[in-house]
Amino acid sequence: MVGNPLARALEQGIGDCLVVDALEETEEAFEQKVKQGEYRRVRLISDPSEPLVLAASESATFLDHAPVLSNGRFELLHYLREISFSIEYHRYGNLGMREKEQRKPIK
């Protein structure tokens, strides 16, 4: 039995969702992909190199190299956008452009 909990889960077949394909490439190849606009946002764990910054500026790619937060809820704010909207039918009784719409009769 393996001591690592992740390795144990994978060994038992319950960690299928945890498997991630890793891609190993040179920094020059990555810079080229960034320059071509393949990525809109890149999360880094260290400061970016000058050529990477230039490549990102050419393609309007956001490079986030702030320290990684230990609290996942705050870290996910970098990637998730919460949107809330409301459709108001009136404002203080003034219906504006919808004033002449047919409405159900009041019973």
C-alpha atoms as a PDB file:
ATOM      1  CA  MET A   1       0.000   0.000   0.000  1.00  0.00           C
ATOM      2  CA  VAL A   2       1.328   3.400  -0.995  1.00  0.00           C
ATOM      3  CA  GLY A   3       1.579   6.034   1.765  1.00  0.00           C
ATOM      4  CA  ASN A   4       0.562   9.040  -0.357  1.00  0.00           C
ATOM      5  CA  PRO A   5      -3.272   9.550  -0.184  1.00  0.00           C
ATOM      6  CA  LEU A   6      -3.454  10.774  -3.788  1.00  0.00           C
ATOM      7  CA  ALA A   7      -1.436   7.815  -5.049  1.00  0.00           C
ATOM      8  CA  ARG A   8      -3.639   5.484  -2.996  1.00  0.00           C
ATOM      9  CA  ALA A   9      -6.805   6.983  -4.506  1.00  0.00           C
ATOM     10  CA  LEU A  10      -5.403   6.614  -8.015  1.00  0.00           C
ATOM     11  CA  GLU A  11      -4.343   3.055  -7.258  1.00  0.00           C
ATOM     12  CA  GLN A  12      -7.857   2.191  -6.093  1.00  0.00           C
ATOM     13  CA  GLY A  13      -9.408   3.768  -9.197  1.00  0.00           C
ATOM     14  CA  ILE A  14     -11.399   6.455  -7.386  1.00  0.00           C
ATOM     15  CA  GLY A  15      -9.268   9.365  -8.504  1.00  0.00           C
ATOM     16  CA  ASP A  16     -10.006   9.394 -12.215  1.00  0.00           C
ATOM     17  CA  CYS A  17     -11.078  13.018 -12.051  1.00  0.00           C
ATOM     18  CA  LEU A  18      -7.738  13.968 -10.471  1.00  0.00           C
ATOM     19  CA  VAL A  19      -5.624  12.924 -13.456  1.00  0.00           C
ATOM     20  CA  VAL A  20      -4.247  15.876 -15.398  1.00  0.00           C
ATOM     21  CA  ASP A  21      -2.238  15.730 -18.593  1.00  0.00           C
ATOM     22  CA  ALA A  22       0.994  17.670 -18.227  1.00  0.00           C
ATOM     23  CA  LEU A  23       2.645  19.400 -21.162  1.00  0.00           C
ATOM     24  CA  GLU A  24       6.343  20.083 -20.981  1.00  0.00           C
ATOM     25  CA  GLU A  25       7.642  22.788 -23.320  1.00  0.00           C
ATOM     26  CA  THR A  26      10.417  25.347 -23.494  1.00  0.00           C
ATOM     27  CA  GLU A  27       9.823  28.892 -22.387  1.00  0.00           C
ATOM     28  CA  GLU A  28      10.374  30.064 -25.966  1.00  0.00           C
ATOM     29  CA  ALA A  29       7.607  27.760 -27.240  1.00  0.00           C
ATOM     30  CA  PHE A  30       5.290  28.985 -24.474  1.00  0.00           C
ATOM     31  CA  GLU A  31       6.112  32.621 -25.286  1.00  0.00           C
ATOM     32  CA  GLN A  32       5.229  31.938 -28.928  1.00  0.00           C
ATOM     33  CA  LYS A  33       1.829  30.502 -27.908  1.00  0.00           C
ATOM     34  CA  VAL A  34       1.188  33.526 -25.697  1.00  0.00           C
ATOM     35  CA  LYS A  35       2.222  35.883 -28.509  1.00  0.00           C
ATOM     36  CA  GLN A  36      -0.210  34.142 -30.890  1.00  0.00           C
ATOM     37  CA  GLY A  37      -3.023  34.743 -28.402  1.00  0.00           C
ATOM     38  CA  GLU A  38      -3.723  31.114 -27.453  1.00  0.00           C
ATOM     39  CA  TYR A  39      -4.217  32.184 -23.818  1.00  0.00           C
ATOM     40  CA  ARG A  40      -6.190  35.112 -22.388  1.00  0.00           C
ATOM     41  CA  ARG A  41      -4.992  34.691 -18.785  1.00  0.00           C
ATOM     42  CA  VAL A  42      -1.870  33.002 -17.410  1.00  0.00           C
ATOM     43  CA  ARG A  43      -1.365  32.249 -13.710  1.00  0.00           C
ATOM     44  CA  LEU A  44       2.312  32.200 -12.717  1.00  0.00           C
ATOM     45  CA  ILE A  45       3.947  31.172  -9.455  1.00  0.00           C
ATOM     46  CA  SER A  46       6.997  33.418 -10.017  1.00  0.00           C
ATOM     47  CA  ASP A  47       7.768  36.666 -11.792  1.00  0.00           C
ATOM     48  CA  PRO A  48       7.558  36.422 -15.597  1.00  0.00           C
ATOM     49  CA  SER A  49      10.629  36.848 -17.788  1.00  0.00           C
ATOM     50  CA  GLU A  50      10.966  40.001 -19.876  1.00  0.00           C
ATOM     51  CA  PRO A  51      10.341  38.164 -23.207  1.00  0.00           C
ATOM     52  CA  LEU A  52       7.161  36.630 -21.747  1.00  0.00           C
ATOM     53  CA  VAL A  53       5.946  40.053 -20.627  1.00  0.00           C
ATOM     54  CA  LEU A  54       6.563  41.432 -24.129  1.00  0.00           C
ATOM     55  CA  ALA A  55       4.766  38.481 -25.754  1.00  0.00           C
ATOM     56  CA  ALA A  56       1.814  38.939 -23.401  1.00  0.00           C
ATOM     57  CA  SER A  57       1.617  42.666 -24.091  1.00  0.00           C
ATOM     58  CA  GLU A  58       1.492  42.019 -27.854  1.00  0.00           C
ATOM     59  CA  SER A  59      -1.471  39.662 -27.513  1.00  0.00           C
ATOM     60  CA  ALA A  60      -3.227  41.437 -24.606  1.00  0.00           C
ATOM     61  CA  THR A  61      -2.736  38.389 -22.363  1.00  0.00           C
ATOM     62  CA  PHE A  62      -3.067  38.965 -18.618  1.00  0.00           C
ATOM     63  CA  LEU A  63      -0.134  37.597 -16.604  1.00  0.00           C
ATOM     64  CA  ASP A  64      -1.026  37.113 -12.948  1.00  0.00           C
ATOM     65  CA  HIS A  65       2.097  36.595 -10.870  1.00  0.00           C
ATOM     66  CA  ALA A  66       0.754  37.597  -7.473  1.00  0.00           C
ATOM     67  CA  PRO A  67       1.496  35.140  -4.667  1.00  0.00           C
ATOM     68  CA  VAL A  68      -0.760  32.089  -4.735  1.00  0.00           C
ATOM     69  CA  LEU A  69      -3.299  32.244  -1.917  1.00  0.00           C
ATOM     70  CA  SER A  70      -3.741  29.315   0.443  1.00  0.00           C
ATOM     71  CA  ASN A  71      -7.492  29.866   0.635  1.00  0.00           C
ATOM     72  CA  GLY A  72      -9.031  28.368  -2.498  1.00  0.00           C
ATOM     73  CA  ARG A  73     -12.155  30.533  -2.289  1.00  0.00           C
ATOM     74  CA  PHE A  74     -10.042  33.668  -2.687  1.00  0.00           C
ATOM     75  CA  GLU A  75      -7.707  32.131  -5.259  1.00  0.00           C
ATOM     76  CA  LEU A  76     -10.680  31.196  -7.470  1.00  0.00           C
ATOM     77  CA  LEU A  77     -11.703  34.861  -7.625  1.00  0.00           C
ATOM     78  CA  HIS A  78      -8.910  35.187 -10.211  1.00  0.00           C
ATOM     79  CA  TYR A  79     -10.777  32.815 -12.534  1.00  0.00           C
ATOM     80  CA  LEU A  80     -14.491  33.008 -11.765  1.00  0.00           C
ATOM     81  CA  ARG A  81     -16.716  35.969 -12.419  1.00  0.00           C
ATOM     82  CA  GLU A  82     -20.016  36.251 -10.593  1.00  0.00           C
ATOM     83  CA  ILE A  83     -22.695  38.101 -12.481  1.00  0.00           C
ATOM     84  CA  SER A  84     -25.954  39.250 -10.996  1.00  0.00           C
ATOM     85  CA  PHE A  85     -28.623  41.064 -12.924  1.00  0.00           C
ATOM     86  CA  SER A  86     -32.170  42.136 -12.371  1.00  0.00           C
ATOM     87  CA  ILE A  87     -34.845  43.292 -14.774  1.00  0.00           C
ATOM     88  CA  GLU A  88     -37.048  45.969 -13.285  1.00  0.00           C
ATOM     89  CA  TYR A  89     -40.427  46.510 -14.873  1.00  0.00           C
ATOM     90  CA  HIS A  90     -40.928  49.988 -13.510  1.00  0.00           C
ATOM     91  CA  ARG A  91     -39.376  52.734 -11.497  1.00  0.00           C
ATOM     92  CA  TYR A  92     -41.644  54.585  -9.113  1.00  0.00           C
ATOM     93  CA  GLY A  93     -44.697  53.691 -11.231  1.00  0.00           C
ATOM     94  CA  ASN A  94     -43.246  55.136 -14.463  1.00  0.00           C
ATOM     95  CA  LEU A  95     -43.208  52.378 -17.104  1.00  0.00           C
ATOM     96  CA  GLY A  96     -41.412  54.469 -19.734  1.00  0.00           C
ATOM     97  CA  MET A  97     -41.406  52.787 -23.158  1.00  0.00           C
ATOM     98  CA  ARG A  98     -43.556  49.904 -21.860  1.00  0.00           C
ATOM     99  CA  GLU A  99     -46.388  52.235 -20.898  1.00  0.00           C
ATOM    100  CA  LYS A 100     -48.677  51.245 -23.819  1.00  0.00           C
ATOM    101  CA  GLU A 101     -48.214  47.447 -23.499  1.00  0.00           C
ATOM    102  CA  GLN A 102     -51.326  45.303 -23.053  1.00  0.00           C
ATOM    103  CA  ARG A 103     -51.575  43.930 -19.524  1.00  0.00           C
ATOM    104  CA  LYS A 104     -53.753  41.414 -17.767  1.00  0.00           C
ATOM    105  CA  PRO A 105     -56.843  42.982 -16.249  1.00  0.00           C
ATOM    106  CA  ILE A 106     -56.802  43.302 -12.473  1.00  0.00           C
ATOM    107  CA  LYS A 107     -59.309  40.946 -10.838  1.00  0.00           C
END
